[in-house]
Amino acid sequence: MIRVRAPATSANLGAGFDVFALALKEPFDEIIVEESDEIELKVSGISEGVPKDRRNVAWRIAEELGVTARIEIFKGIRAASGLGSSAATSAGVTVALNELYSLGLSKEEMIDISARGEEMISGSYHADNVSAAILGYFTVVKGRGGNLRAVSIPLKLRVAVCLPEIKVSTLEARRSLPEFISLEEHKEDLSTASMMVYEALRGNARRFSELMNRGIAERMRKKFIPFYDDVKRAALEAGAYGVTISGSGPAIIAVISEESSGVERAMKEVFERNGISCECFITESGEGVRILEE
């Protein structure tokens, strides 16, 4: 029996669409796998909207690896939140099954398998969330299969998360992005992303986070989150270094200092003043999938 903890993740971080992601210390899923003659699946916790049959990504991962197991998932990450709920399942199950059956997979092989599991469900291959879920902290990923390369930079960030009670379709959010962008837009996002990696390597959390405040994906997707500009303005005025949409949303993340207080409250007040309930909390960057018991 193997028990693991798989973290929530926040992808894109402004200019790093489908390339950057950040693992969060909380929330998280816990997953238990045991040897079995067939694939068995049990899902509990915050599981509304999570398939509990062979449509679940966990089932697809087991099939992809060619193994059978009893898989029990306790969901601590809300589905369709923008916080990498399915990526946590994909990464956690892949790591757990690799350990249970001594498959000997490398980290990059596990990232690719996890991303392929996600692709079977969503129809789109993107390894940003699963890279952060497996490697932890701030990650950069490119390619797929044998060409996949991923790195983790142990950047320590304190993060305020605001999760409004609204629905954002990942498919619609991806469709909102332009097929082509101008040369100026490309230069802006490329230079911003490059500087973010530089600041992460330097451990400069403030400058890294200030660079999060721009990016094509945010500009195109903010229309799916009512009052987004007002929420972002309130967070920045309350002292946040940087604010952006987490993945395709609706979660919004704000990087704050150790001394900051009130940023999450400022974001929450904007939503609630406009009749939208939301959950806000403070977390921080953290490690990837962790084996708790074997």
Protein backbone atom coordinates (compact mmCIF):
# COMPACT_ATOMS: atom_id res chain seq x y z
CA MET A 1 0.00 0.00 0.00
CA ILE A 2 1.23 3.47 -0.94
CA ARG A 3 -0.29 6.74 0.33
CA VAL A 4 0.68 10.06 -1.25
CA ARG A 5 -0.23 13.72 -0.97
CA ALA A 6 -0.59 15.67 -4.25
CA PRO A 7 -0.67 19.49 -4.20
CA ALA A 8 -2.87 22.06 -5.85
CA THR A 9 -1.09 24.01 -8.57
CA SER A 10 -1.44 27.36 -10.29
CA ALA A 11 -0.53 27.47 -13.98
CA ASN A 12 0.52 30.22 -16.40
CA LEU A 13 1.46 32.87 -13.79
CA GLY A 14 0.88 35.65 -16.29
CA ALA A 15 3.22 35.35 -19.27
CA GLY A 16 4.04 31.63 -18.95
CA PHE A 17 1.01 30.12 -20.70
CA ASP A 18 1.21 26.29 -20.69
CA VAL A 19 4.84 26.56 -19.54
CA PHE A 20 4.94 27.97 -15.97
CA ALA A 21 3.25 26.60 -12.87
CA LEU A 22 3.51 26.80 -9.10
CA ALA A 23 2.85 24.05 -6.56
CA LEU A 24 0.90 25.18 -3.50
CA LYS A 25 1.27 23.82 0.00
CA GLU A 26 -2.53 23.76 0.39
CA PRO A 27 -5.05 22.55 -0.66
CA PHE A 28 -4.11 18.97 -1.62
CA ASP A 29 -5.47 15.53 -2.48
CA GLU A 30 -4.52 12.34 -0.69
CA ILE A 31 -4.37 9.09 -2.66
CA ILE A 32 -3.99 5.48 -1.54
CA VAL A 33 -3.15 2.69 -4.00
CA GLU A 34 -3.05 -1.03 -3.28
CA GLU A 35 -2.40 -4.06 -5.44
CA SER A 36 -5.52 -5.59 -6.97
CA ASP A 37 -6.46 -7.93 -9.80
CA GLU A 38 -8.58 -5.18 -11.38
CA ILE A 39 -8.87 -1.41 -11.42
CA GLU A 40 -11.06 -0.27 -8.54
CA LEU A 41 -11.80 3.38 -7.79
CA LYS A 42 -13.22 5.22 -4.78
CA VAL A 43 -13.52 9.01 -4.66
CA SER A 44 -14.52 11.04 -1.59
CA GLY A 45 -14.05 14.53 -0.16
CA ILE A 46 -14.80 17.61 -2.30
CA SER A 47 -15.85 15.42 -5.19
CA GLU A 48 -18.73 17.23 -6.89
CA GLY A 49 -18.18 17.07 -10.64
CA VAL A 50 -15.44 14.44 -10.34
CA PRO A 51 -16.10 11.21 -12.33
CA LYS A 52 -16.16 8.13 -10.13
CA ASP A 53 -15.82 5.55 -12.90
CA ARG A 54 -13.48 4.79 -15.81
CA ARG A 55 -13.84 8.41 -17.02
CA ASN A 56 -11.73 9.50 -14.04
CA VAL A 57 -8.15 10.38 -14.95
CA ALA A 58 -6.89 7.94 -12.29
CA TRP A 59 -8.42 5.06 -14.21
CA ARG A 60 -6.82 6.29 -17.43
CA ILE A 61 -3.41 6.56 -15.75
CA ALA A 62 -3.59 2.96 -14.54
CA GLU A 63 -4.50 1.82 -18.05
CA GLU A 64 -1.69 3.90 -19.52
CA LEU A 65 0.79 2.25 -17.13
CA GLY A 66 -0.65 -1.20 -17.84
CA VAL A 67 -1.33 -2.01 -14.18
CA THR A 68 -4.35 -2.79 -12.01
CA ALA A 69 -4.89 -1.40 -8.52
CA ARG A 70 -7.39 -0.30 -5.95
CA ILE A 71 -7.24 3.50 -6.01
CA GLU A 72 -8.79 5.63 -3.27
CA ILE A 73 -8.80 9.41 -3.74
CA PHE A 74 -9.71 11.95 -1.07
CA LYS A 75 -10.28 15.20 -2.95
CA GLY A 76 -9.24 18.34 -1.14
CA ILE A 77 -9.07 20.42 -4.34
CA ARG A 78 -12.32 21.54 -5.91
CA ALA A 79 -12.86 20.45 -9.51
CA ALA A 80 -12.97 23.21 -12.15
CA SER A 81 -11.35 25.66 -9.74
CA GLY A 82 -8.27 26.65 -11.74
CA LEU A 83 -6.11 25.01 -9.04
CA GLY A 84 -5.09 21.86 -10.90
CA SER A 85 -7.59 19.42 -9.38
CA SER A 86 -7.29 16.80 -12.11
CA ALA A 87 -3.53 17.37 -12.33
CA ALA A 88 -3.20 16.51 -8.64
CA THR A 89 -5.03 13.24 -9.28
CA SER A 90 -2.95 12.49 -12.39
CA ALA A 91 0.36 13.23 -10.73
CA GLY A 92 -0.51 11.58 -7.43
CA VAL A 93 -1.74 8.35 -9.01
CA THR A 94 1.23 8.18 -11.38
CA VAL A 95 3.76 8.62 -8.57
CA ALA A 96 1.92 6.19 -6.30
CA LEU A 97 1.62 3.45 -8.93
CA ASN A 98 5.25 3.92 -9.95
CA GLU A 99 6.22 3.32 -6.32
CA LEU A 100 3.77 0.47 -5.73
CA TYR A 101 4.95 -1.57 -8.70
CA SER A 102 8.60 -0.36 -8.78
CA LEU A 103 8.21 0.80 -12.38
CA GLY A 104 11.40 2.85 -12.28
CA LEU A 105 9.99 5.87 -14.13
CA SER A 106 11.98 9.10 -14.17
CA LYS A 107 10.37 12.37 -13.04
CA GLU A 108 10.05 13.52 -16.65
CA GLU A 109 8.48 10.22 -17.69
CA MET A 110 5.95 10.57 -14.87
CA ILE A 111 5.18 14.14 -15.95
CA ASP A 112 4.55 13.00 -19.53
CA ILE A 113 2.34 10.08 -18.45
CA SER A 114 0.37 12.39 -16.14
CA ALA A 115 -0.06 14.93 -18.94
CA ARG A 116 -1.22 12.20 -21.33
CA GLY A 117 -3.77 11.12 -18.75
CA GLU A 118 -5.04 14.69 -18.61
CA GLU A 119 -5.13 14.80 -22.41
CA MET A 120 -7.39 11.75 -22.53
CA ILE A 121 -9.88 13.62 -20.37
CA SER A 122 -9.58 17.21 -21.65
CA GLY A 123 -8.48 16.61 -25.24
CA SER A 124 -5.48 18.91 -24.77
CA TYR A 125 -1.90 18.03 -23.85
CA HIS A 126 -0.36 20.51 -21.44
CA ALA A 127 2.16 19.52 -18.78
CA ASP A 128 2.36 22.74 -16.77
CA ASN A 129 0.18 21.75 -13.79
CA VAL A 130 1.44 18.16 -13.58
CA SER A 131 5.06 19.37 -13.72
CA ALA A 132 4.52 21.52 -10.64
CA ALA A 133 2.50 18.77 -8.95
CA ILE A 134 5.38 16.30 -9.36
CA LEU A 135 8.46 18.53 -9.05
CA GLY A 136 7.13 21.18 -6.65
CA TYR A 137 7.65 24.94 -6.33
CA PHE A 138 8.02 27.03 -9.54
CA THR A 139 8.35 24.90 -12.65
CA VAL A 140 9.12 25.43 -16.33
CA VAL A 141 8.24 22.73 -18.87
CA LYS A 142 8.51 22.24 -22.62
CA GLY A 143 7.88 19.44 -25.09
CA ARG A 144 6.25 16.04 -24.68
CA GLY A 145 7.22 12.39 -24.75
CA GLY A 146 10.94 11.83 -25.14
CA ASN A 147 11.43 15.55 -25.83
CA LEU A 148 9.85 16.71 -22.56
CA ARG A 149 12.08 18.77 -20.30
CA ALA A 150 11.02 20.18 -16.95
CA VAL A 151 12.86 22.03 -14.19
CA SER A 152 11.90 23.19 -10.72
CA ILE A 153 13.20 26.32 -9.01
CA PRO A 154 12.64 26.35 -5.21
CA LEU A 155 11.17 29.84 -5.13
CA LYS A 156 9.40 30.60 -1.85
CA LEU A 157 6.20 32.59 -2.30
CA ARG A 158 3.36 33.47 0.08
CA VAL A 159 0.10 33.35 -1.85
CA ALA A 160 -3.43 34.62 -1.25
CA VAL A 161 -5.99 32.59 -3.19
CA CYS A 162 -9.52 33.77 -3.92
CA LEU A 163 -11.94 31.20 -5.36
CA PRO A 164 -15.30 32.72 -6.37
CA GLU A 165 -18.43 30.60 -6.76
CA ILE A 166 -18.61 30.90 -10.53
CA LYS A 167 -18.10 28.42 -13.37
CA VAL A 168 -15.39 28.82 -15.99
CA SER A 169 -15.21 26.29 -18.81
CA THR A 170 -11.58 25.31 -19.45
CA LEU A 171 -12.51 24.56 -23.05
CA GLU A 172 -14.07 27.99 -23.56
CA ALA A 173 -11.15 29.66 -21.81
CA ARG A 174 -8.70 27.95 -24.19
CA ARG A 175 -10.84 28.85 -27.19
CA SER A 176 -10.73 32.52 -26.14
CA LEU A 177 -7.02 32.69 -26.89
CA PRO A 178 -6.00 34.00 -30.32
CA GLU A 179 -4.42 31.63 -32.82
CA PHE A 180 -1.97 34.36 -33.82
CA ILE A 181 -0.53 37.29 -31.89
CA SER A 182 1.41 40.35 -32.97
CA LEU A 183 5.18 40.51 -32.93
CA GLU A 184 5.00 43.14 -30.18
CA GLU A 185 2.80 40.89 -28.00
CA HIS A 186 5.17 37.99 -28.55
CA LYS A 187 8.18 40.09 -27.57
CA GLU A 188 6.40 41.40 -24.47
CA ASP A 189 5.39 37.97 -23.17
CA LEU A 190 8.72 36.34 -24.10
CA SER A 191 10.77 39.03 -22.39
CA THR A 192 8.50 38.98 -19.32
CA ALA A 193 8.66 35.19 -19.02
CA SER A 194 12.44 35.24 -19.43
CA MET A 195 12.83 37.84 -16.70
CA MET A 196 10.55 35.82 -14.41
CA VAL A 197 12.88 32.82 -14.69
CA TYR A 198 15.87 35.08 -14.00
CA GLU A 199 14.24 36.55 -10.89
CA ALA A 200 13.18 33.09 -9.70
CA LEU A 201 16.78 31.87 -9.99
CA ARG A 202 17.86 34.90 -7.97
CA GLY A 203 15.19 34.16 -5.35
CA ASN A 204 13.69 37.62 -5.81
CA ALA A 205 10.06 36.86 -4.93
CA ARG A 206 8.89 40.47 -5.18
CA ARG A 207 10.28 41.18 -8.64
CA PHE A 208 9.15 37.77 -9.91
CA SER A 209 5.64 38.47 -8.68
CA GLU A 210 5.47 41.98 -10.09
CA LEU A 211 6.16 40.47 -13.51
CA MET A 212 3.06 38.25 -13.11
CA ASN A 213 0.90 41.32 -13.68
CA ARG A 214 0.90 40.96 -17.47
CA GLY A 215 0.28 38.30 -20.08
CA ILE A 216 -1.90 37.59 -23.11
CA ALA A 217 -3.81 34.76 -21.42
CA GLU A 218 -4.93 37.01 -18.58
CA ARG A 219 -6.10 39.75 -20.95
CA MET A 220 -8.14 37.30 -23.02
CA ARG A 221 -9.58 35.29 -20.12
CA LYS A 222 -10.49 37.93 -17.55
CA LYS A 223 -13.90 38.39 -19.22
CA PHE A 224 -14.91 35.00 -17.78
CA ILE A 225 -14.46 36.29 -14.20
CA PRO A 226 -16.91 39.09 -13.31
CA PHE A 227 -15.28 42.14 -11.67
CA TYR A 228 -11.78 40.72 -12.23
CA ASP A 229 -10.18 44.11 -12.82
CA ASP A 230 -11.76 45.46 -9.62
CA VAL A 231 -10.56 42.44 -7.63
CA LYS A 232 -7.02 42.79 -8.99
CA ARG A 233 -6.95 46.51 -8.27
CA ALA A 234 -8.16 45.94 -4.70
CA ALA A 235 -5.48 43.30 -4.10
CA LEU A 236 -2.68 45.50 -5.44
CA GLU A 237 -3.89 48.46 -3.40
CA ALA A 238 -3.92 46.22 -0.32
CA GLY A 239 -0.25 45.40 -0.87
CA ALA A 240 -0.07 42.39 -3.22
CA TYR A 241 3.08 42.20 -5.36
CA GLY A 242 1.39 40.49 -8.28
CA VAL A 243 -2.10 39.23 -9.15
CA THR A 244 -3.24 36.93 -11.95
CA ILE A 245 -5.75 34.27 -12.95
CA SER A 246 -4.81 30.78 -11.80
CA GLY A 247 -4.92 28.55 -14.88
CA SER A 248 -8.20 29.14 -16.67
CA GLY A 249 -9.84 30.33 -13.44
CA PRO A 250 -12.00 31.14 -11.65
CA ALA A 251 -9.35 31.12 -8.89
CA ILE A 252 -7.26 34.26 -8.62
CA ILE A 253 -3.85 34.26 -6.93
CA ALA A 254 -2.02 37.18 -5.37
CA VAL A 255 1.58 36.96 -4.16
CA ILE A 256 2.03 38.80 -0.88
CA SER A 257 4.80 39.59 1.59
CA GLU A 258 5.23 37.88 4.96
CA GLU A 259 3.95 41.06 6.61
CA SER A 260 0.94 41.56 4.34
CA SER A 261 -2.52 41.18 5.79
CA GLY A 262 -5.87 41.99 4.30
CA VAL A 263 -5.19 41.17 0.63
CA GLU A 264 -7.49 38.14 0.64
CA ARG A 265 -10.10 40.17 2.52
CA ALA A 266 -9.90 42.96 -0.06
CA MET A 267 -10.50 40.51 -2.93
CA LYS A 268 -13.34 38.81 -1.08
CA GLU A 269 -15.06 42.12 -0.38
CA VAL A 270 -15.19 43.03 -4.07
CA PHE A 271 -16.87 39.77 -5.01
CA GLU A 272 -19.29 39.76 -2.12
CA ARG A 273 -20.21 43.41 -2.66
CA ASN A 274 -21.30 42.33 -6.13
CA GLY A 275 -23.29 39.31 -4.95
CA ILE A 276 -20.69 36.58 -5.61
CA SER A 277 -19.75 34.21 -2.81
CA CYS A 278 -16.11 33.20 -2.59
CA GLU A 279 -13.56 31.34 -0.50
CA CYS A 280 -10.25 33.04 0.23
CA PHE A 281 -7.22 31.66 2.04
CA ILE A 282 -3.46 32.06 2.47
CA THR A 283 -1.00 29.37 1.39
CA GLU A 284 2.56 29.23 0.07
CA SER A 285 4.63 27.52 -2.59
CA GLY A 286 5.56 23.98 -1.69
CA GLU A 287 6.86 20.59 -2.66
CA GLY A 288 5.46 18.18 -5.21
CA VAL A 289 3.80 14.80 -4.65
CA ARG A 290 5.00 13.38 -1.35
CA ILE A 291 4.93 9.72 -0.30
CA LEU A 292 3.40 9.59 3.17
CA GLU A 293 3.24 5.84 3.74
CA GLU A 294 4.46 2.68 2.08
